Amino acid sequence: MSELPEVLMPLADAVAKAEIVAATQRWLERAVIGLNLCPFAKSVHVKKQIRYAVSAASDADALLAELDTSSRYSPTPTRSNSIPHC
């Protein structure tokens, strides 16, 4: 299996990237987990099984390319690492 690239178009500003990831994690904790919108979210969050990737993609085509690349490198789920989707 190939190593997962972070993103095709990485965000150059490391501080901005960290702020974006932190804001996303707060949203996950407060909205998704806090409002119980996804019953599986808390366990994968606590186990640190969520991958956060920040892209500098600035249009729909570039973002779709990022998603396509990410999906090609995702590990094949097994019984032990399968993560349910909400």
PDB file of N, CA and C in Angstrom:
ATOM      1  N   MET A   1       0.852  -1.175   0.000  1.00  0.00           N
ATOM      2  CA  MET A   1       0.000   0.000   0.000  1.00  0.00           C
ATOM      3  C   MET A   1       0.891   1.229   0.000  1.00  0.00           C
ATOM      4  N   SER A   2       0.541   2.221  -0.810  1.00  0.00           N
ATOM      5  CA  SER A   2       1.303   3.459  -0.893  1.00  0.00           C
ATOM      6  C   SER A   2       1.045   4.320   0.327  1.00  0.00           C
ATOM      7  N   GLU A   3       2.054   5.110   0.657  1.00  0.00           N
ATOM      8  CA  GLU A   3       1.908   6.043   1.778  1.00  0.00           C
ATOM      9  C   GLU A   3       0.941   7.155   1.381  1.00  0.00           C
ATOM     10  N   LEU A   4       0.107   7.551   2.295  1.00  0.00           N
ATOM     11  CA  LEU A   4      -0.888   8.588   2.044  1.00  0.00           C
ATOM     12  C   LEU A   4      -0.228   9.954   1.997  1.00  0.00           C
ATOM     13  N   PRO A   5      -0.312  10.655   0.849  1.00  0.00           N
ATOM     14  CA  PRO A   5       0.231  12.009   0.816  1.00  0.00           C
ATOM     15  C   PRO A   5      -0.660  12.911   1.657  1.00  0.00           C
ATOM     16  N   GLU A   6      -0.081  13.944   2.258  1.00  0.00           N
ATOM     17  CA  GLU A   6      -0.909  14.831   3.081  1.00  0.00           C
ATOM     18  C   GLU A   6      -1.997  15.437   2.217  1.00  0.00           C
ATOM     19  N   VAL A   7      -1.628  16.200   1.220  1.00  0.00           N
ATOM     20  CA  VAL A   7      -2.561  16.759   0.237  1.00  0.00           C
ATOM     21  C   VAL A   7      -1.772  17.102  -1.016  1.00  0.00           C
ATOM     22  N   LEU A   8      -2.456  17.257  -2.137  1.00  0.00           N
ATOM     23  CA  LEU A   8      -1.794  17.652  -3.380  1.00  0.00           C
ATOM     24  C   LEU A   8      -1.350  19.107  -3.327  1.00  0.00           C
ATOM     25  N   MET A   9      -2.186  19.952  -2.727  1.00  0.00           N
ATOM     26  CA  MET A   9      -1.911  21.388  -2.649  1.00  0.00           C
ATOM     27  C   MET A   9      -1.881  21.799  -1.180  1.00  0.00           C
ATOM     28  N   PRO A  10      -0.763  21.575  -0.501  1.00  0.00           N
ATOM     29  CA  PRO A  10      -0.724  21.893   0.937  1.00  0.00           C
ATOM     30  C   PRO A  10      -0.800  23.390   1.206  1.00  0.00           C
ATOM     31  N   LEU A  11      -1.388  23.722   2.323  1.00  0.00           N
ATOM     32  CA  LEU A  11      -1.453  25.101   2.781  1.00  0.00           C
ATOM     33  C   LEU A  11      -0.077  25.463   3.317  1.00  0.00           C
ATOM     34  N   ALA A  12       0.519  26.522   2.797  1.00  0.00           N
ATOM     35  CA  ALA A  12       1.892  26.886   3.164  1.00  0.00           C
ATOM     36  C   ALA A  12       2.006  27.431   4.586  1.00  0.00           C
ATOM     37  N   ASP A  13       0.972  28.073   5.082  1.00  0.00           N
ATOM     38  CA  ASP A  13       1.013  28.719   6.399  1.00  0.00           C
ATOM     39  C   ASP A  13       0.702  27.693   7.487  1.00  0.00           C
ATOM     40  N   ALA A  14       1.748  27.265   8.206  1.00  0.00           N
ATOM     41  CA  ALA A  14       1.586  26.227   9.236  1.00  0.00           C
ATOM     42  C   ALA A  14       0.683  26.690  10.376  1.00  0.00           C
ATOM     43  N   VAL A  15       0.742  27.975  10.724  1.00  0.00           N
ATOM     44  CA  VAL A  15      -0.101  28.502  11.805  1.00  0.00           C
ATOM     45  C   VAL A  15      -1.564  28.461  11.385  1.00  0.00           C
ATOM     46  N   ALA A  16      -1.853  28.890  10.169  1.00  0.00           N
ATOM     47  CA  ALA A  16      -3.230  28.849   9.665  1.00  0.00           C
ATOM     48  C   ALA A  16      -3.730  27.414   9.599  1.00  0.00           C
ATOM     49  N   LYS A  17      -2.871  26.508   9.168  1.00  0.00           N
ATOM     50  CA  LYS A  17      -3.258  25.092   9.090  1.00  0.00           C
ATOM     51  C   LYS A  17      -3.634  24.567  10.470  1.00  0.00           C
ATOM     52  N   ALA A  18      -2.824  24.872  11.475  1.00  0.00           N
ATOM     53  CA  ALA A  18      -3.106  24.421  12.845  1.00  0.00           C
ATOM     54  C   ALA A  18      -4.404  25.019  13.360  1.00  0.00           C
ATOM     55  N   GLU A  19      -4.666  26.291  13.031  1.00  0.00           N
ATOM     56  CA  GLU A  19      -5.911  26.943  13.460  1.00  0.00           C
ATOM     57  C   GLU A  19      -7.121  26.305  12.789  1.00  0.00           C
ATOM     58  N   ILE A  20      -6.987  25.948  11.530  1.00  0.00           N
ATOM     59  CA  ILE A  20      -8.091  25.310  10.803  1.00  0.00           C
ATOM     60  C   ILE A  20      -8.401  23.936  11.392  1.00  0.00           C
ATOM     61  N   VAL A  21      -7.366  23.162  11.675  1.00  0.00           N
ATOM     62  CA  VAL A  21      -7.565  21.836  12.267  1.00  0.00           C
ATOM     63  C   VAL A  21      -8.194  21.974  13.653  1.00  0.00           C
ATOM     64  N   ALA A  22      -7.699  22.919  14.454  1.00  0.00           N
ATOM     65  CA  ALA A  22      -8.244  23.119  15.804  1.00  0.00           C
ATOM     66  C   ALA A  22      -9.716  23.539  15.743  1.00  0.00           C
ATOM     67  N   ALA A  23     -10.070  24.428  14.820  1.00  0.00           N
ATOM     68  CA  ALA A  23     -11.465  24.862  14.673  1.00  0.00           C
ATOM     69  C   ALA A  23     -12.345  23.698  14.240  1.00  0.00           C
ATOM     70  N   THR A  24     -11.833  22.850  13.363  1.00  0.00           N
ATOM     71  CA  THR A  24     -12.589  21.681  12.907  1.00  0.00           C
ATOM     72  C   THR A  24     -12.801  20.699  14.055  1.00  0.00           C
ATOM     73  N   GLN A  25     -11.769  20.504  14.869  1.00  0.00           N
ATOM     74  CA  GLN A  25     -11.898  19.608  16.015  1.00  0.00           C
ATOM     75  C   GLN A  25     -12.894  20.155  17.040  1.00  0.00           C
ATOM     76  N   ARG A  26     -12.880  21.476  17.263  1.00  0.00           N
ATOM     77  CA  ARG A  26     -13.872  22.078  18.179  1.00  0.00           C
ATOM     78  C   ARG A  26     -15.280  21.881  17.652  1.00  0.00           C
ATOM     79  N   TRP A  27     -15.472  22.074  16.343  1.00  0.00           N
ATOM     80  CA  TRP A  27     -16.791  21.870  15.727  1.00  0.00           C
ATOM     81  C   TRP A  27     -17.228  20.410  15.903  1.00  0.00           C
ATOM     82  N   LEU A  28     -16.301  19.481  15.671  1.00  0.00           N
ATOM     83  CA  LEU A  28     -16.619  18.068  15.839  1.00  0.00           C
ATOM     84  C   LEU A  28     -17.054  17.779  17.273  1.00  0.00           C
ATOM     85  N   GLU A  29     -16.295  18.298  18.233  1.00  0.00           N
ATOM     86  CA  GLU A  29     -16.600  18.052  19.641  1.00  0.00           C
ATOM     87  C   GLU A  29     -17.912  18.703  20.069  1.00  0.00           C
ATOM     88  N   ARG A  30     -18.127  19.943  19.661  1.00  0.00           N
ATOM     89  CA  ARG A  30     -19.318  20.677  20.110  1.00  0.00           C
ATOM     90  C   ARG A  30     -20.585  20.310  19.346  1.00  0.00           C
ATOM     91  N   ALA A  31     -20.477  20.224  18.035  1.00  0.00           N
ATOM     92  CA  ALA A  31     -21.672  19.981  17.227  1.00  0.00           C
ATOM     93  C   ALA A  31     -21.924  18.491  17.008  1.00  0.00           C
ATOM     94  N   VAL A  32     -21.004  17.835  16.347  1.00  0.00           N
ATOM     95  CA  VAL A  32     -21.237  16.444  15.954  1.00  0.00           C
ATOM     96  C   VAL A  32     -21.326  15.525  17.177  1.00  0.00           C
ATOM     97  N   ILE A  33     -20.345  15.630  18.079  1.00  0.00           N
ATOM     98  CA  ILE A  33     -20.347  14.779  19.273  1.00  0.00           C
ATOM     99  C   ILE A  33     -21.289  15.346  20.327  1.00  0.00           C
ATOM    100  N   GLY A  34     -21.191  16.651  20.565  1.00  0.00           N
ATOM    101  CA  GLY A  34     -22.004  17.285  21.609  1.00  0.00           C
ATOM    102  C   GLY A  34     -23.502  17.151  21.375  1.00  0.00           C
ATOM    103  N   LEU A  35     -23.928  17.233  20.122  1.00  0.00           N
ATOM    104  CA  LEU A  35     -25.349  17.102  19.787  1.00  0.00           C
ATOM    105  C   LEU A  35     -25.712  15.668  19.399  1.00  0.00           C
ATOM    106  N   ASN A  36     -24.743  14.762  19.517  1.00  0.00           N
ATOM    107  CA  ASN A  36     -24.928  13.352  19.177  1.00  0.00           C
ATOM    108  C   ASN A  36     -25.477  13.170  17.761  1.00  0.00           C
ATOM    109  N   LEU A  37     -24.914  13.949  16.817  1.00  0.00           N
ATOM    110  CA  LEU A  37     -25.351  13.848  15.423  1.00  0.00           C
ATOM    111  C   LEU A  37     -24.854  12.559  14.769  1.00  0.00           C
ATOM    112  N   CYS A  38     -23.760  12.032  15.288  1.00  0.00           N
ATOM    113  CA  CYS A  38     -23.222  10.768  14.793  1.00  0.00           C
ATOM    114  C   CYS A  38     -22.797   9.945  15.993  1.00  0.00           C
ATOM    115  N   PRO A  39     -23.462   8.835  16.249  1.00  0.00           N
ATOM    116  CA  PRO A  39     -23.142   8.038  17.441  1.00  0.00           C
ATOM    117  C   PRO A  39     -21.753   7.406  17.398  1.00  0.00           C
ATOM    118  N   PHE A  40     -21.103   7.366  16.244  1.00  0.00           N
ATOM    119  CA  PHE A  40     -19.781   6.752  16.113  1.00  0.00           C
ATOM    120  C   PHE A  40     -18.651   7.765  16.247  1.00  0.00           C
ATOM    121  N   ALA A  41     -18.952   9.043  16.193  1.00  0.00           N
ATOM    122  CA  ALA A  41     -17.917  10.076  16.141  1.00  0.00           C
ATOM    123  C   ALA A  41     -17.048  10.133  17.395  1.00  0.00           C
ATOM    124  N   LYS A  42     -17.651   9.995  18.558  1.00  0.00           N
ATOM    125  CA  LYS A  42     -16.882  10.140  19.793  1.00  0.00           C
ATOM    126  C   LYS A  42     -15.787   9.093  19.913  1.00  0.00           C
ATOM    127  N   SER A  43     -16.106   7.849  19.620  1.00  0.00           N
ATOM    128  CA  SER A  43     -15.108   6.796  19.809  1.00  0.00           C
ATOM    129  C   SER A  43     -13.920   6.965  18.868  1.00  0.00           C
ATOM    130  N   VAL A  44     -14.161   7.306  17.602  1.00  0.00           N
ATOM    131  CA  VAL A  44     -13.030   7.482  16.679  1.00  0.00           C
ATOM    132  C   VAL A  44     -12.254   8.757  16.986  1.00  0.00           C
ATOM    133  N   HIS A  45     -12.928   9.763  17.527  1.00  0.00           N
ATOM    134  CA  HIS A  45     -12.250  11.005  17.925  1.00  0.00           C
ATOM    135  C   HIS A  45     -11.334  10.731  19.125  1.00  0.00           C
ATOM    136  N   VAL A  46     -11.857  10.064  20.122  1.00  0.00           N
ATOM    137  CA  VAL A  46     -11.078   9.752  21.331  1.00  0.00           C
ATOM    138  C   VAL A  46      -9.876   8.863  20.992  1.00  0.00           C
ATOM    139  N   LYS A  47     -10.069   7.934  20.066  1.00  0.00           N
ATOM    140  CA  LYS A  47      -8.983   7.024  19.672  1.00  0.00           C
ATOM    141  C   LYS A  47      -8.025   7.653  18.656  1.00  0.00           C
ATOM    142  N   LYS A  48      -8.285   8.918  18.292  1.00  0.00           N
ATOM    143  CA  LYS A  48      -7.461   9.647  17.319  1.00  0.00           C
ATOM    144  C   LYS A  48      -7.373   8.920  15.978  1.00  0.00           C
ATOM    145  N   GLN A  49      -8.528   8.431  15.515  1.00  0.00           N
ATOM    146  CA  GLN A  49      -8.585   7.712  14.244  1.00  0.00           C
ATOM    147  C   GLN A  49      -9.072   8.601  13.103  1.00  0.00           C
ATOM    148  N   ILE A  50      -9.215   9.881  13.359  1.00  0.00           N
ATOM    149  CA  ILE A  50      -9.678  10.806  12.329  1.00  0.00           C
ATOM    150  C   ILE A  50      -8.463  11.491  11.715  1.00  0.00           C
ATOM    151  N   ARG A  51      -8.400  11.507  10.405  1.00  0.00           N
ATOM    152  CA  ARG A  51      -7.314  12.169   9.687  1.00  0.00           C
ATOM    153  C   ARG A  51      -7.806  13.545   9.254  1.00  0.00           C
ATOM    154  N   TYR A  52      -7.073  14.577   9.633  1.00  0.00           N
ATOM    155  CA  TYR A  52      -7.392  15.946   9.235  1.00  0.00           C
ATOM    156  C   TYR A  52      -6.390  16.367   8.170  1.00  0.00           C
ATOM    157  N   ALA A  53      -6.888  16.853   7.051  1.00  0.00           N
ATOM    158  CA  ALA A  53      -6.017  17.319   5.973  1.00  0.00           C
ATOM    159  C   ALA A  53      -6.501  18.695   5.537  1.00  0.00           C
ATOM    160  N   VAL A  54      -5.579  19.649   5.465  1.00  0.00           N
ATOM    161  CA  VAL A  54      -5.908  21.020   5.062  1.00  0.00           C
ATOM    162  C   VAL A  54      -5.303  21.251   3.689  1.00  0.00           C
ATOM    163  N   SER A  55      -6.135  21.679   2.770  1.00  0.00           N
ATOM    164  CA  SER A  55      -5.703  21.890   1.389  1.00  0.00           C
ATOM    165  C   SER A  55      -5.816  23.363   1.011  1.00  0.00           C
ATOM    166  N   ALA A  56      -4.955  23.776   0.106  1.00  0.00           N
ATOM    167  CA  ALA A  56      -5.024  25.132  -0.434  1.00  0.00           C
ATOM    168  C   ALA A  56      -5.847  25.162  -1.723  1.00  0.00           C
ATOM    169  N   ALA A  57      -6.557  24.085  -2.009  1.00  0.00           N
ATOM    170  CA  ALA A  57      -7.397  24.045  -3.217  1.00  0.00           C
ATOM    171  C   ALA A  57      -8.351  25.227  -3.190  1.00  0.00           C
ATOM    172  N   SER A  58      -8.448  25.909  -4.327  1.00  0.00           N
ATOM    173  CA  SER A  58      -9.256  27.130  -4.357  1.00  0.00           C
ATOM    174  C   SER A  58     -10.460  27.050  -5.286  1.00  0.00           C
ATOM    175  N   ASP A  59     -10.683  25.893  -5.887  1.00  0.00           N
ATOM    176  CA  ASP A  59     -11.876  25.729  -6.709  1.00  0.00           C
ATOM    177  C   ASP A  59     -12.361  24.282  -6.618  1.00  0.00           C
ATOM    178  N   ALA A  60     -13.531  24.050  -7.151  1.00  0.00           N
ATOM    179  CA  ALA A  60     -14.163  22.731  -7.027  1.00  0.00           C
ATOM    180  C   ALA A  60     -13.333  21.634  -7.683  1.00  0.00           C
ATOM    181  N   ASP A  61     -12.757  21.906  -8.847  1.00  0.00           N
ATOM    182  CA  ASP A  61     -11.972  20.877  -9.533  1.00  0.00           C
ATOM    183  C   ASP A  61     -10.739  20.474  -8.728  1.00  0.00           C
ATOM    184  N   ALA A  62     -10.053  21.455  -8.144  1.00  0.00           N
ATOM    185  CA  ALA A  62      -8.867  21.155  -7.344  1.00  0.00           C
ATOM    186  C   ALA A  62      -9.256  20.376  -6.084  1.00  0.00           C
ATOM    187  N   LEU A  63     -10.376  20.747  -5.480  1.00  0.00           N
ATOM    188  CA  LEU A  63     -10.824  20.028  -4.285  1.00  0.00           C
ATOM    189  C   LEU A  63     -11.228  18.594  -4.620  1.00  0.00           C
ATOM    190  N   LEU A  64     -11.902  18.408  -5.743  1.00  0.00           N
ATOM    191  CA  LEU A  64     -12.262  17.051  -6.163  1.00  0.00           C
ATOM    192  C   LEU A  64     -11.016  16.208  -6.426  1.00  0.00           C
ATOM    193  N   ALA A  65      -9.976  16.812  -6.990  1.00  0.00           N
ATOM    194  CA  ALA A  65      -8.717  16.091  -7.208  1.00  0.00           C
ATOM    195  C   ALA A  65      -8.117  15.667  -5.866  1.00  0.00           C
ATOM    196  N   GLU A  66      -8.191  16.560  -4.862  1.00  0.00           N
ATOM    197  CA  GLU A  66      -7.699  16.217  -3.519  1.00  0.00           C
ATOM    198  C   GLU A  66      -8.466  15.016  -2.959  1.00  0.00           C
ATOM    199  N   LEU A  67      -9.788  15.062  -3.047  1.00  0.00           N
ATOM    200  CA  LEU A  67     -10.616  13.979  -2.518  1.00  0.00           C
ATOM    201  C   LEU A  67     -10.357  12.672  -3.259  1.00  0.00           C
ATOM    202  N   ASP A  68     -10.192  12.760  -4.580  1.00  0.00           N
ATOM    203  CA  ASP A  68      -9.922  11.568  -5.375  1.00  0.00           C
ATOM    204  C   ASP A  68      -8.591  10.944  -4.965  1.00  0.00           C
ATOM    205  N   THR A  69      -7.561  11.763  -4.808  1.00  0.00           N
ATOM    206  CA  THR A  69      -6.248  11.262  -4.400  1.00  0.00           C
ATOM    207  C   THR A  69      -6.315  10.642  -3.014  1.00  0.00           C
ATOM    208  N   SER A  70      -6.993  11.316  -2.098  1.00  0.00           N
ATOM    209  CA  SER A  70      -7.110  10.801  -0.735  1.00  0.00           C
ATOM    210  C   SER A  70      -7.828   9.454  -0.729  1.00  0.00           C
ATOM    211  N   SER A  71      -8.873   9.327  -1.516  1.00  0.00           N
ATOM    212  CA  SER A  71      -9.631   8.072  -1.525  1.00  0.00           C
ATOM    213  C   SER A  71      -8.817   6.927  -2.111  1.00  0.00           C
ATOM    214  N   ARG A  72      -7.907   7.212  -3.015  1.00  0.00           N
ATOM    215  CA  ARG A  72      -7.069   6.175  -3.622  1.00  0.00           C
ATOM    216  C   ARG A  72      -6.039   5.626  -2.642  1.00  0.00           C
ATOM    217  N   TYR A  73      -5.641   6.438  -1.674  1.00  0.00           N
ATOM    218  CA  TYR A  73      -4.613   6.031  -0.726  1.00  0.00           C
ATOM    219  C   TYR A  73      -5.182   5.588   0.613  1.00  0.00           C
ATOM    220  N   SER A  74      -6.488   5.617   0.762  1.00  0.00           N
ATOM    221  CA  SER A  74      -7.084   5.202   2.031  1.00  0.00           C
ATOM    222  C   SER A  74      -6.836   3.728   2.252  1.00  0.00           C
ATOM    223  N   PRO A  75      -6.542   3.352   3.491  1.00  0.00           N
ATOM    224  CA  PRO A  75      -6.326   1.926   3.758  1.00  0.00           C
ATOM    225  C   PRO A  75      -7.608   1.139   3.547  1.00  0.00           C
ATOM    226  N   THR A  76      -7.457  -0.075   3.105  1.00  0.00           N
ATOM    227  CA  THR A  76      -8.614  -0.947   2.943  1.00  0.00           C
ATOM    228  C   THR A  76      -9.125  -1.324   4.323  1.00  0.00           C
ATOM    229  N   PRO A  77     -10.413  -1.062   4.595  1.00  0.00           N
ATOM    230  CA  PRO A  77     -10.929  -1.388   5.930  1.00  0.00           C
ATOM    231  C   PRO A  77     -10.872  -2.885   6.217  1.00  0.00           C
ATOM    232  N   THR A  78     -10.521  -3.201   7.417  1.00  0.00           N
ATOM    233  CA  THR A  78     -10.584  -4.582   7.893  1.00  0.00           C
ATOM    234  C   THR A  78     -11.528  -4.581   9.080  1.00  0.00           C
ATOM    235  N   ARG A  79     -11.780  -5.740   9.587  1.00  0.00           N
ATOM    236  CA  ARG A  79     -12.697  -5.830  10.725  1.00  0.00           C
ATOM    237  C   ARG A  79     -12.160  -5.015  11.915  1.00  0.00           C
ATOM    238  N   SER A  80     -10.837  -4.963  12.068  1.00  0.00           N
ATOM    239  CA  SER A  80     -10.258  -4.278  13.219  1.00  0.00           C
ATOM    240  C   SER A  80     -10.115  -2.790  13.028  1.00  0.00           C
ATOM    241  N   ASN A  81     -10.039  -2.297  11.779  1.00  0.00           N
ATOM    242  CA  ASN A  81      -9.859  -0.859  11.600  1.00  0.00           C
ATOM    243  C   ASN A  81     -11.000  -0.186  10.859  1.00  0.00           C
ATOM    244  N   SER A  82     -12.071  -0.889  10.639  1.00  0.00           N
ATOM    245  CA  SER A  82     -13.212  -0.321   9.941  1.00  0.00           C
ATOM    246  C   SER A  82     -13.874   0.756  10.800  1.00  0.00           C
ATOM    247  N   ILE A  83     -14.100   1.921  10.197  1.00  0.00           N
ATOM    248  CA  ILE A  83     -14.704   3.036  10.911  1.00  0.00           C
ATOM    249  C   ILE A  83     -16.091   3.280  10.313  1.00  0.00           C
ATOM    250  N   PRO A  84     -17.142   3.208  11.119  1.00  0.00           N
ATOM    251  CA  PRO A  84     -18.493   3.439  10.609  1.00  0.00           C
ATOM    252  C   PRO A  84     -18.676   4.886  10.176  1.00  0.00           C
ATOM    253  N   HIS A  85     -19.563   5.095   9.237  1.00  0.00           N
ATOM    254  CA  HIS A  85     -19.874   6.435   8.741  1.00  0.00           C
ATOM    255  C   HIS A  85     -21.267   6.844   9.199  1.00  0.00           C
ATOM    256  N   CYS A  86     -21.434   8.107   9.473  1.00  0.00           N
ATOM    257  CA  CYS A  86     -22.744   8.635   9.875  1.00  0.00           C
ATOM    258  C   CYS A  86     -23.446   9.231   8.687  1.00  0.00           C
TER     259      CYS A  86
END
